[in-house]
Amino acid sequence: MEIIGNIIKGAINIKEALTPEVNPVEAQQKVLQNLLSTAKDTMFGKAYDFEVISKADNPEVAFANSVPYFDYNQINDKWWSKLHEGLEDVTWPGKPSYFALSSGTTGKISKRIPVTDDMLSAIKQAGIDQVTALSNFDLPAEFFSKEAMMLGSSTNLKEKDDHLEGEISGITASNIPSWFKGFYKPGEDIAKIEDWDKRVETIAKRAKQWDIGALSGIPSWMELMLKTVIDYHKVDNIHDVWPNLQVYTSGGVAFGPYQKSFNALLGKPVTVIDTYLASEGFLAFQARPETDAMQLVTDGGIYFEFVPFKPEYINPDGSLKNEAPSVTLKDVQLDQDYVVIISTVSGAWRYLIGDTIEFTDVERAEIKITGRTKFFLNTVGSQLSVNKLDDAIRHLEEKFNTTIPEYTLCAKRFEDGFYHSWYIGSEGLNQANSSIANALDEFLKNANKNYKVARGKALEGVKVEVISPEVFAEWSGANKKKGGQVKMERVMGEDKFKDWEAFVAKN
């Protein structure tokens, strides 16, 4: 097997050496032109004069001026719903082969996002590019002969009309290249098990049959799977079961809040590589070990625009105001949060994906996810984004020497005014709730001037409840389903928070 590993590593190194360097700005210009020319004869392309836009002196500006922003509800109501009526050539030529079901973090009703064959090709190519980038990491040859555990949603996709439906991780896993199937675990039979608990239990039973070198999946669900495997085999850590585990590919959410609790399950350090795979496409991946930032996939099937993440551009429901200005990759700046806007080969156009990012390296087009537009806590002027909340949680972990893999909060009105009401998921946080609340409050005052100002006005303070992390997983299971791309909502509105508190009281 070591010989195979050397061959694979050598091939990856050769491919990396022969692959020309991508100029992100030029690549994005080509992507936009390809999108416009391919979709010009669709209903959407005709409605917004794509042929005229493509011939403009500055297509990027003409595109931004001609096509409005769309969130899911807007584009689905006006355009994608036509696909379910049997129409084709709506926002992309033909009909999509798949629809990705995504309740995301903000609703119980699944979104149905089209996934075309062109998008699957783009995702596969981005995956190959990510594998090629492994040549930048100091990984031994034997790693490339080990198996990879991909923990996503079920690959048992549902037939509906003339397409298949499932979560994006299930769709991509059901379309893995044939050459990779020998490395892929838990294998097709187990991956089709719909009940997440049963699937994980089956993985645990068979775990010692596999020589896992890499893990891939959402951190919260990956931790639960690893704990199940460890408990089943009555060992101290996951390396007692998979001694050759060397890489964990995270995705979908920032890994930082999970780092300490994840590392507690390991027997030795692993290389953590971040990826950004959403239901709408493969947006970015970490391409080099010198940083934990991710490089945007600028030469694939996605054209990016960015709106400065400022309160005056955001509606209360997290959508964008029509007058919010956008910039392209050539005009972005460091130290600025942006709302991500994408146009894709699946027929999403100027689409608000719901995430916020910041650039860490403009020339390389490297980013970090900083939060969600709907998770921006601005009640009573506190202006807290998720990355600031994550920083506060990491501060608590260090201050109280504990792990906090999950949390959620709400700006909640009590009899004496507004408080930030936190629920923190931790097994080892034994301090008084008032002490934790004071530590949170002081950290946020020092970290965010708007929060400090709010604390002197309408925001009365912080309240904290510490609960088991398992309650968060059960909440996701009760409201959506376990595993896959499901992520815990970090900030809730008051109505949702009432449901949450009632659920916690029962559990």
Protein backbone atom coordinates (compact mmCIF):
# COMPACT_ATOMS: atom_id res chain seq x y z
CA MET A 1 0.00 0.00 0.00
CA GLU A 2 2.96 2.33 0.61
CA ILE A 3 3.90 1.90 -3.07
CA ILE A 4 0.39 2.99 -4.06
CA GLY A 5 0.67 5.99 -1.73
CA ASN A 6 3.94 7.03 -3.34
CA ILE A 7 2.43 6.72 -6.81
CA ILE A 8 -0.63 8.81 -5.88
CA LYS A 9 1.43 11.46 -4.08
CA GLY A 10 3.81 11.65 -7.06
CA ALA A 11 0.91 12.08 -9.49
CA ILE A 12 -0.58 14.85 -7.32
CA ASN A 13 2.77 16.65 -7.16
CA ILE A 14 3.16 16.43 -10.94
CA LYS A 15 -0.37 17.75 -11.54
CA GLU A 16 0.25 20.64 -9.16
CA ALA A 17 3.50 21.50 -10.91
CA LEU A 18 1.88 21.41 -14.36
CA THR A 19 -1.28 23.33 -13.41
CA PRO A 20 -0.96 27.01 -14.42
CA GLU A 21 -1.50 29.58 -11.68
CA VAL A 22 -4.96 31.13 -11.71
CA ASN A 23 -5.41 34.90 -11.76
CA PRO A 24 -8.59 35.21 -9.65
CA VAL A 25 -9.82 38.48 -11.18
CA GLU A 26 -9.34 37.33 -14.78
CA ALA A 27 -10.85 33.95 -13.96
CA GLN A 28 -13.95 35.62 -12.55
CA GLN A 29 -14.38 37.75 -15.67
CA LYS A 30 -14.31 34.58 -17.78
CA VAL A 31 -16.80 32.83 -15.48
CA LEU A 32 -19.27 35.71 -15.77
CA GLN A 33 -19.01 35.73 -19.55
CA ASN A 34 -19.58 31.96 -19.66
CA LEU A 35 -22.62 32.25 -17.39
CA LEU A 36 -24.14 35.05 -19.46
CA SER A 37 -23.53 33.39 -22.84
CA THR A 38 -24.79 29.98 -21.68
CA ALA A 39 -27.98 31.35 -20.08
CA LYS A 40 -28.81 34.11 -22.57
CA ASP A 41 -31.66 32.13 -24.15
CA THR A 42 -33.27 31.06 -20.87
CA MET A 43 -36.36 32.81 -19.53
CA PHE A 44 -34.20 34.61 -16.99
CA GLY A 45 -31.51 35.53 -19.53
CA LYS A 46 -34.07 37.03 -21.88
CA ALA A 47 -35.82 38.92 -19.07
CA TYR A 48 -32.60 40.62 -18.06
CA ASP A 49 -30.98 40.99 -21.52
CA PHE A 50 -27.95 38.78 -20.89
CA GLU A 51 -26.88 39.08 -24.52
CA VAL A 52 -26.72 42.87 -24.19
CA ILE A 53 -24.92 42.65 -20.81
CA SER A 54 -22.28 40.29 -22.21
CA LYS A 55 -21.40 42.81 -24.95
CA ALA A 56 -21.22 45.83 -22.62
CA ASP A 57 -17.91 47.66 -22.16
CA ASN A 58 -17.97 46.58 -18.51
CA PRO A 59 -20.13 43.45 -18.15
CA GLU A 60 -19.61 43.30 -14.38
CA VAL A 61 -21.13 46.75 -13.87
CA ALA A 62 -23.88 46.16 -16.44
CA PHE A 63 -24.77 42.88 -14.75
CA ALA A 64 -24.96 44.50 -11.31
CA ASN A 65 -27.07 47.36 -12.62
CA SER A 66 -29.51 45.14 -14.54
CA VAL A 67 -30.14 42.16 -12.24
CA PRO A 68 -31.53 42.65 -8.71
CA TYR A 69 -30.48 40.68 -5.62
CA PHE A 70 -32.41 37.51 -4.91
CA ASP A 71 -32.75 35.58 -1.69
CA TYR A 72 -34.13 32.04 -1.83
CA ASN A 73 -37.78 33.00 -1.44
CA GLN A 74 -37.58 35.67 -4.13
CA ILE A 75 -35.89 33.58 -6.80
CA ASN A 76 -37.93 30.49 -5.94
CA ASP A 77 -41.28 32.27 -6.06
CA LYS A 78 -40.57 34.05 -9.31
CA TRP A 79 -38.36 31.57 -11.19
CA TRP A 80 -37.41 28.19 -9.69
CA SER A 81 -41.04 27.34 -8.95
CA LYS A 82 -41.55 27.14 -12.74
CA LEU A 83 -39.20 24.13 -12.79
CA HIS A 84 -41.63 22.25 -10.54
CA GLU A 85 -44.40 23.05 -13.02
CA GLY A 86 -42.49 21.10 -15.69
CA LEU A 87 -40.96 24.06 -17.51
CA GLU A 88 -37.35 24.04 -18.68
CA ASP A 89 -34.78 26.66 -19.71
CA VAL A 90 -35.92 28.77 -16.76
CA THR A 91 -32.76 30.14 -15.15
CA TRP A 92 -30.33 27.66 -16.75
CA PRO A 93 -30.61 25.60 -19.95
CA GLY A 94 -32.64 22.41 -19.61
CA LYS A 95 -33.82 20.99 -16.28
CA PRO A 96 -31.76 20.26 -13.18
CA SER A 97 -31.02 16.60 -12.46
CA TYR A 98 -31.14 17.17 -8.71
CA PHE A 99 -32.56 19.47 -6.08
CA ALA A 100 -30.58 20.00 -2.90
CA LEU A 101 -32.83 20.09 0.16
CA SER A 102 -31.59 22.60 2.68
CA SER A 103 -33.36 23.84 5.79
CA GLY A 104 -30.04 25.47 6.65
CA THR A 105 -30.03 27.06 10.07
CA THR A 106 -33.02 29.32 9.84
CA GLY A 107 -36.16 27.38 9.06
CA LYS A 108 -38.05 24.12 9.35
CA ILE A 109 -39.21 24.01 5.73
CA SER A 110 -36.60 22.69 3.31
CA LYS A 111 -35.43 24.88 0.52
CA ARG A 112 -35.17 23.10 -2.83
CA ILE A 113 -32.11 24.39 -4.63
CA PRO A 114 -31.46 23.23 -8.21
CA VAL A 115 -28.27 21.27 -8.84
CA THR A 116 -27.47 20.90 -12.54
CA ASP A 117 -25.03 18.52 -14.21
CA ASP A 118 -22.84 21.56 -14.86
CA MET A 119 -22.75 22.25 -11.12
CA LEU A 120 -21.85 18.65 -10.33
CA SER A 121 -18.97 18.92 -12.80
CA ALA A 122 -17.86 22.16 -11.15
CA ILE A 123 -18.00 20.56 -7.69
CA LYS A 124 -15.99 17.55 -8.89
CA GLN A 125 -13.36 19.81 -10.43
CA ALA A 126 -13.10 21.85 -7.23
CA GLY A 127 -12.68 18.59 -5.32
CA ILE A 128 -9.85 17.54 -7.65
CA ASP A 129 -8.24 20.96 -7.18
CA GLN A 130 -8.46 20.52 -3.42
CA VAL A 131 -6.83 17.09 -3.61
CA THR A 132 -4.12 18.58 -5.83
CA ALA A 133 -3.52 21.30 -3.22
CA LEU A 134 -2.65 18.57 -0.69
CA SER A 135 0.80 18.64 -2.29
CA ASN A 136 1.31 21.90 -0.36
CA PHE A 137 0.84 20.08 2.96
CA ASP A 138 3.53 17.97 4.58
CA LEU A 139 1.73 14.65 4.35
CA PRO A 140 3.62 11.33 4.10
CA ALA A 141 3.19 9.10 1.07
CA GLU A 142 1.36 6.41 3.06
CA PHE A 143 -1.47 8.87 3.79
CA PHE A 144 -2.53 8.75 0.15
CA SER A 145 -3.22 5.02 0.35
CA LYS A 146 -5.56 5.30 3.36
CA GLU A 147 -9.35 5.46 3.34
CA ALA A 148 -11.48 8.59 3.74
CA MET A 149 -14.57 8.77 5.95
CA MET A 150 -17.13 11.20 4.52
CA LEU A 151 -19.88 11.83 7.05
CA GLY A 152 -22.71 13.55 5.22
CA SER A 153 -26.42 13.08 4.72
CA SER A 154 -27.96 9.93 3.29
CA THR A 155 -27.14 9.07 -0.31
CA ASN A 156 -30.57 7.43 -0.62
CA LEU A 157 -31.95 10.21 -2.78
CA LYS A 158 -35.68 10.54 -3.38
CA GLU A 159 -37.16 10.38 -6.85
CA LYS A 160 -39.58 13.18 -7.60
CA ASP A 161 -40.99 13.83 -11.06
CA ASP A 162 -37.94 13.94 -13.34
CA HIS A 163 -35.23 14.59 -10.75
CA LEU A 164 -33.71 13.33 -7.50
CA GLU A 165 -33.75 15.17 -4.17
CA GLY A 166 -31.50 15.07 -1.11
CA GLU A 167 -28.98 17.14 0.81
CA ILE A 168 -25.95 18.36 -1.14
CA SER A 169 -23.55 16.10 0.78
CA GLY A 170 -25.70 13.11 -0.17
CA ILE A 171 -25.90 14.22 -3.80
CA THR A 172 -22.15 14.70 -4.11
CA ALA A 173 -21.38 11.42 -2.30
CA SER A 174 -23.70 9.57 -4.67
CA ASN A 175 -21.71 11.04 -7.57
CA ILE A 176 -18.16 10.40 -6.39
CA PRO A 177 -15.73 9.43 -9.18
CA SER A 178 -15.30 5.70 -9.74
CA TRP A 179 -11.57 5.89 -9.00
CA PHE A 180 -12.34 7.19 -5.48
CA LYS A 181 -14.89 4.54 -4.50
CA GLY A 182 -12.20 2.18 -3.23
CA PHE A 183 -11.09 4.81 -0.70
CA TYR A 184 -14.57 6.05 0.24
CA LYS A 185 -16.04 5.06 3.60
CA PRO A 186 -18.48 4.22 5.12
CA GLY A 187 -19.34 2.82 1.69
CA GLU A 188 -22.49 3.02 -0.39
CA ASP A 189 -24.62 0.63 1.70
CA ILE A 190 -24.09 2.44 5.00
CA ALA A 191 -24.26 5.88 3.38
CA LYS A 192 -27.79 5.10 2.20
CA ILE A 193 -29.09 4.55 5.76
CA GLU A 194 -31.47 7.45 6.36
CA ASP A 195 -31.66 7.26 10.15
CA TRP A 196 -28.57 9.16 11.31
CA ASP A 197 -28.30 7.39 14.67
CA LYS A 198 -28.53 3.98 13.00
CA ARG A 199 -25.96 5.00 10.37
CA VAL A 200 -23.51 6.15 13.04
CA GLU A 201 -24.11 3.01 15.10
CA THR A 202 -23.30 0.90 12.02
CA ILE A 203 -20.15 2.95 11.41
CA ALA A 204 -19.09 2.32 15.01
CA LYS A 205 -19.58 -1.44 14.68
CA ARG A 206 -17.48 -1.64 11.51
CA ALA A 207 -14.93 1.02 12.40
CA LYS A 208 -12.01 -1.33 13.07
CA GLN A 209 -12.41 -2.91 9.63
CA TRP A 210 -11.23 0.33 8.02
CA ASP A 211 -7.89 2.10 7.86
CA ILE A 212 -9.11 5.70 7.97
CA GLY A 213 -6.60 8.41 7.10
CA ALA A 214 -8.99 11.33 6.56
CA LEU A 215 -12.33 12.54 7.91
CA SER A 216 -14.71 14.95 6.20
CA GLY A 217 -17.90 16.52 7.55
CA ILE A 218 -19.60 19.19 9.66
CA PRO A 219 -17.71 19.51 13.00
CA SER A 220 -20.68 19.09 15.35
CA TRP A 221 -21.86 15.84 13.71
CA MET A 222 -18.31 14.57 13.26
CA GLU A 223 -17.71 14.95 17.01
CA LEU A 224 -20.84 12.96 17.83
CA MET A 225 -19.80 10.20 15.42
CA LEU A 226 -16.28 10.03 16.89
CA LYS A 227 -17.68 9.86 20.43
CA THR A 228 -19.95 7.00 19.39
CA VAL A 229 -17.03 5.06 17.88
CA ILE A 230 -14.86 5.69 20.95
CA ASP A 231 -17.61 4.62 23.36
CA TYR A 232 -18.50 1.52 21.35
CA HIS A 233 -14.92 0.23 21.35
CA LYS A 234 -14.27 1.41 24.94
CA VAL A 235 -11.05 3.24 24.01
CA ASP A 236 -9.55 6.55 25.10
CA ASN A 237 -9.51 8.34 21.75
CA ILE A 238 -10.20 7.86 18.06
CA HIS A 239 -6.56 7.08 17.25
CA ASP A 240 -6.93 3.88 19.25
CA VAL A 241 -9.36 2.80 16.51
CA TRP A 242 -7.88 4.61 13.48
CA PRO A 243 -4.15 4.99 14.23
CA ASN A 244 -3.38 6.40 10.76
CA LEU A 245 -5.88 9.26 10.93
CA GLN A 246 -3.97 12.36 9.81
CA VAL A 247 -6.39 14.82 8.17
CA TYR A 248 -9.78 16.29 9.03
CA THR A 249 -11.56 18.28 6.35
CA SER A 250 -14.06 20.55 8.05
CA GLY A 251 -16.74 22.45 6.21
CA GLY A 252 -19.79 24.65 6.24
CA VAL A 253 -19.04 26.42 9.52
CA ALA A 254 -16.03 27.96 11.21
CA PHE A 255 -13.99 25.24 12.91
CA GLY A 256 -12.67 27.53 15.67
CA PRO A 257 -15.49 26.99 18.22
CA TYR A 258 -15.11 23.20 17.90
CA GLN A 259 -11.32 23.04 17.94
CA LYS A 260 -10.82 22.34 21.63
CA SER A 261 -13.61 19.76 21.98
CA PHE A 262 -12.58 18.07 18.71
CA ASN A 263 -8.92 17.82 19.75
CA ALA A 264 -10.02 16.20 23.03
CA LEU A 265 -11.15 13.18 21.00
CA LEU A 266 -7.74 12.68 19.37
CA GLY A 267 -4.66 10.81 20.50
CA LYS A 268 -2.32 12.96 18.41
CA PRO A 269 -2.63 16.11 16.30
CA VAL A 270 -4.18 15.99 12.83
CA THR A 271 -4.05 18.44 9.96
CA VAL A 272 -7.31 20.40 9.79
CA ILE A 273 -8.29 21.67 6.33
CA ASP A 274 -11.30 23.96 5.98
CA THR A 275 -13.70 23.77 3.05
CA TYR A 276 -16.76 25.79 2.04
CA LEU A 277 -19.30 23.49 0.39
CA ALA A 278 -22.83 24.85 0.44
CA SER A 279 -26.06 23.59 -1.13
CA GLU A 280 -25.46 26.16 -3.86
CA GLY A 281 -21.94 25.01 -4.76
CA PHE A 282 -18.31 24.45 -3.76
CA LEU A 283 -17.18 27.97 -2.93
CA ALA A 284 -13.71 27.68 -1.39
CA PHE A 285 -11.12 25.42 0.23
CA GLN A 286 -7.91 25.80 2.21
CA ALA A 287 -5.09 25.54 -0.32
CA ARG A 288 -1.98 25.95 1.83
CA PRO A 289 -0.87 25.16 5.39
CA GLU A 290 0.47 28.62 6.25
CA THR A 291 -3.07 29.84 6.88
CA ASP A 292 -6.44 28.48 7.92
CA ALA A 293 -8.14 30.78 5.41
CA MET A 294 -9.79 29.33 2.30
CA GLN A 295 -9.18 30.20 -1.33
CA LEU A 296 -12.26 31.03 -3.39
CA VAL A 297 -12.84 28.73 -6.36
CA THR A 298 -12.70 31.53 -8.91
CA ASP A 299 -12.37 29.48 -12.11
CA GLY A 300 -15.33 27.12 -11.60
CA GLY A 301 -19.05 27.55 -11.98
CA ILE A 302 -19.54 30.46 -9.56
CA TYR A 303 -19.28 34.22 -10.07
CA PHE A 304 -18.84 36.16 -6.84
CA GLU A 305 -19.95 39.61 -5.74
CA PHE A 306 -19.62 41.12 -2.29
CA VAL A 307 -21.75 43.63 -0.38
CA PRO A 308 -20.15 45.40 2.61
CA PHE A 309 -21.81 43.98 5.72
CA LYS A 310 -23.17 47.15 7.28
CA PRO A 311 -26.47 47.61 9.15
CA GLU A 312 -27.71 50.21 6.69
CA TYR A 313 -27.61 47.65 3.87
CA ILE A 314 -29.40 44.80 5.70
CA ASN A 315 -33.14 44.38 6.25
CA PRO A 316 -34.40 43.07 9.62
CA ASP A 317 -34.98 39.60 8.10
CA GLY A 318 -31.35 39.38 6.93
CA SER A 319 -32.06 40.14 3.25
CA LEU A 320 -30.30 42.90 1.34
CA LYS A 321 -31.73 46.31 0.60
CA ASN A 322 -32.00 46.94 -3.14
CA GLU A 323 -29.71 49.95 -2.96
CA ALA A 324 -26.90 48.04 -1.21
CA PRO A 325 -23.73 48.43 -3.33
CA SER A 326 -21.74 45.42 -4.49
CA VAL A 327 -18.09 45.06 -5.46
CA THR A 328 -16.29 42.41 -7.47
CA LEU A 329 -13.12 40.57 -6.50
CA LYS A 330 -10.83 43.27 -7.87
CA ASP A 331 -12.24 45.89 -5.46
CA VAL A 332 -12.53 44.02 -2.15
CA GLN A 333 -10.55 45.14 0.89
CA LEU A 334 -9.12 43.61 4.03
CA ASP A 335 -10.71 44.14 7.45
CA GLN A 336 -14.24 44.35 6.06
CA ASP A 337 -17.04 41.84 6.45
CA TYR A 338 -18.91 41.15 3.20
CA VAL A 339 -22.19 39.47 2.35
CA VAL A 340 -21.52 36.82 -0.31
CA ILE A 341 -23.53 37.09 -3.54
CA ILE A 342 -23.22 34.31 -6.13
CA SER A 343 -24.33 33.55 -9.68
CA THR A 344 -23.90 29.92 -10.71
CA VAL A 345 -24.15 27.21 -13.35
CA SER A 346 -27.21 25.94 -11.47
CA GLY A 347 -29.14 29.08 -12.38
CA ALA A 348 -28.76 31.10 -9.19
CA TRP A 349 -28.42 34.79 -10.06
CA ARG A 350 -27.09 37.48 -7.72
CA TYR A 351 -28.16 35.09 -5.00
CA LEU A 352 -27.83 35.89 -1.31
CA ILE A 353 -26.34 32.71 0.09
CA GLY A 354 -26.70 34.04 3.65
CA ASP A 355 -23.04 33.91 4.71
CA THR A 356 -20.66 36.73 5.60
CA ILE A 357 -16.92 36.53 4.96
CA GLU A 358 -13.79 38.61 5.28
CA PHE A 359 -10.71 38.58 3.07
CA THR A 360 -7.40 37.63 4.65
CA ASP A 361 -5.43 37.86 1.40
CA VAL A 362 -6.92 39.78 -1.52
CA GLU A 363 -4.32 38.76 -4.11
CA ARG A 364 -4.86 35.07 -3.39
CA ALA A 365 -8.65 35.53 -2.93
CA GLU A 366 -8.45 33.89 0.50
CA ILE A 367 -11.33 34.28 2.94
CA LYS A 368 -12.71 33.28 6.30
CA ILE A 369 -16.40 32.75 7.07
CA THR A 370 -17.43 35.27 9.72
CA GLY A 371 -21.11 34.48 10.19
CA ARG A 372 -24.61 34.60 8.77
CA THR A 373 -26.61 37.65 7.77
CA LYS A 374 -29.54 36.41 9.86
CA PHE A 375 -27.29 35.76 12.84
CA PHE A 376 -26.22 39.40 13.09
CA LEU A 377 -27.22 40.45 16.59
CA ASN A 378 -28.12 44.13 16.27
CA THR A 379 -31.07 44.42 18.65
CA VAL A 380 -30.60 47.60 20.73
CA GLY A 381 -27.53 48.50 18.65
CA SER A 382 -25.05 45.86 19.89
CA GLN A 383 -23.89 45.02 16.32
CA LEU A 384 -22.37 41.60 17.05
CA SER A 385 -21.49 39.21 14.21
CA VAL A 386 -20.96 35.49 14.72
CA ASN A 387 -17.16 35.74 14.59
CA LYS A 388 -17.30 38.09 17.61
CA LEU A 389 -19.57 35.64 19.41
CA ASP A 390 -17.21 32.77 18.53
CA ASP A 391 -14.29 34.79 19.92
CA ALA A 392 -16.20 35.23 23.17
CA ILE A 393 -16.77 31.47 23.43
CA ARG A 394 -13.06 30.78 22.85
CA HIS A 395 -12.31 33.29 25.62
CA LEU A 396 -14.56 31.34 28.00
CA GLU A 397 -12.86 28.07 27.05
CA GLU A 398 -9.47 29.53 27.92
CA LYS A 399 -10.58 31.37 31.04
CA PHE A 400 -12.41 28.41 32.56
CA ASN A 401 -10.28 25.63 31.01
CA THR A 402 -13.22 23.86 29.40
CA THR A 403 -14.74 23.00 26.02
CA ILE A 404 -17.85 24.66 24.58
CA PRO A 405 -18.75 23.08 21.23
CA GLU A 406 -22.22 24.65 20.97
CA TYR A 407 -24.11 27.79 21.92
CA THR A 408 -27.06 29.93 20.93
CA LEU A 409 -28.48 33.23 22.15
CA CYS A 410 -31.22 35.79 21.73
CA ALA A 411 -31.67 39.46 22.52
CA LYS A 412 -34.61 38.79 24.81
CA ARG A 413 -36.93 41.23 26.53
CA PHE A 414 -37.32 40.62 30.28
CA GLU A 415 -39.41 42.69 32.71
CA ASP A 416 -36.54 45.10 33.32
CA GLY A 417 -35.39 45.39 29.69
CA PHE A 418 -33.33 43.62 27.01
CA TYR A 419 -30.66 41.03 27.88
CA HIS A 420 -28.50 38.82 25.73
CA SER A 421 -29.74 35.42 26.87
CA TRP A 422 -27.13 32.71 26.18
CA TYR A 423 -27.44 28.92 26.25
CA ILE A 424 -24.00 27.34 26.36
CA GLY A 425 -23.39 23.65 25.61
CA SER A 426 -20.60 22.25 27.80
CA GLU A 427 -19.94 19.21 29.96
CA GLY A 428 -17.13 20.73 32.02
CA LEU A 429 -18.20 24.31 32.69
CA ASN A 430 -18.97 24.21 36.40
CA GLN A 431 -18.76 27.91 37.30
CA ALA A 432 -21.81 29.85 38.47
CA ASN A 433 -23.90 31.19 35.62
CA SER A 434 -23.41 34.72 36.93
CA SER A 435 -19.61 34.34 36.70
CA ILE A 436 -19.85 33.11 33.12
CA ALA A 437 -22.22 35.95 32.25
CA ASN A 438 -19.84 38.53 33.70
CA ALA A 439 -16.90 37.05 31.77
CA LEU A 440 -18.90 37.18 28.52
CA ASP A 441 -20.05 40.72 29.17
CA GLU A 442 -16.57 42.05 29.95
CA PHE A 443 -14.99 40.36 26.94
CA LEU A 444 -17.59 41.74 24.51
CA LYS A 445 -17.30 45.24 25.98
CA ASN A 446 -13.58 45.19 25.28
CA ALA A 447 -13.90 43.52 21.87
CA ASN A 448 -16.73 45.58 20.36
CA LYS A 449 -17.29 49.29 20.88
CA ASN A 450 -20.91 49.13 19.66
CA TYR A 451 -21.69 46.48 22.26
CA LYS A 452 -20.11 48.64 24.94
CA VAL A 453 -22.25 51.60 23.89
CA ALA A 454 -25.39 49.43 23.88
CA ARG A 455 -24.57 48.22 27.38
CA GLY A 456 -24.65 51.80 28.54
CA LYS A 457 -28.09 52.33 27.03
CA ALA A 458 -30.83 49.78 26.23
CA LEU A 459 -28.97 46.50 26.77
CA GLU A 460 -29.21 45.60 30.45
CA GLY A 461 -26.73 42.75 30.51
CA VAL A 462 -26.09 39.05 29.92
CA LYS A 463 -27.87 35.94 31.20
CA VAL A 464 -26.39 32.44 30.86
CA GLU A 465 -27.69 28.87 31.11
CA VAL A 466 -25.25 25.94 30.78
CA ILE A 467 -26.73 22.76 29.30
CA SER A 468 -25.49 19.50 27.78
CA PRO A 469 -24.17 19.80 24.20
CA GLU A 470 -26.39 16.84 23.32
CA VAL A 471 -29.47 19.04 23.68
CA PHE A 472 -28.32 21.05 20.66
CA ALA A 473 -28.08 17.90 18.54
CA GLU A 474 -31.51 16.77 19.68
CA TRP A 475 -32.95 20.19 18.82
CA SER A 476 -31.58 19.87 15.27
CA GLY A 477 -32.99 16.37 15.09
CA ALA A 478 -36.42 17.49 16.28
CA ASN A 479 -36.64 20.50 13.97
CA LYS A 480 -34.91 19.22 10.86
CA LYS A 481 -32.83 16.08 10.92
CA LYS A 482 -29.49 14.94 12.20
CA GLY A 483 -26.27 14.99 10.24
CA GLY A 484 -25.51 16.31 6.77
CA GLN A 485 -25.31 20.07 6.31
CA VAL A 486 -27.54 20.88 9.31
CA LYS A 487 -25.98 23.55 11.53
CA MET A 488 -27.05 25.03 14.83
CA GLU A 489 -28.46 28.55 14.68
CA ARG A 490 -26.22 30.82 16.73
CA VAL A 491 -28.66 33.72 17.05
CA MET A 492 -32.45 33.32 17.28
CA GLY A 493 -35.37 35.68 17.10
CA GLU A 494 -37.65 35.88 20.12
CA ASP A 495 -40.38 33.61 18.68
CA LYS A 496 -37.90 30.85 17.78
CA PHE A 497 -36.18 31.31 21.13
CA LYS A 498 -39.45 30.60 22.95
CA ASP A 499 -39.62 27.25 21.14
CA TRP A 500 -35.98 26.60 22.00
CA GLU A 501 -36.46 27.33 25.70
CA ALA A 502 -39.52 25.10 25.83
CA PHE A 503 -37.51 22.33 24.17
CA VAL A 504 -34.64 22.74 26.66
CA ALA A 505 -37.08 22.59 29.57
CA LYS A 506 -38.37 19.21 28.32
CA ASN A 507 -34.87 17.82 27.76
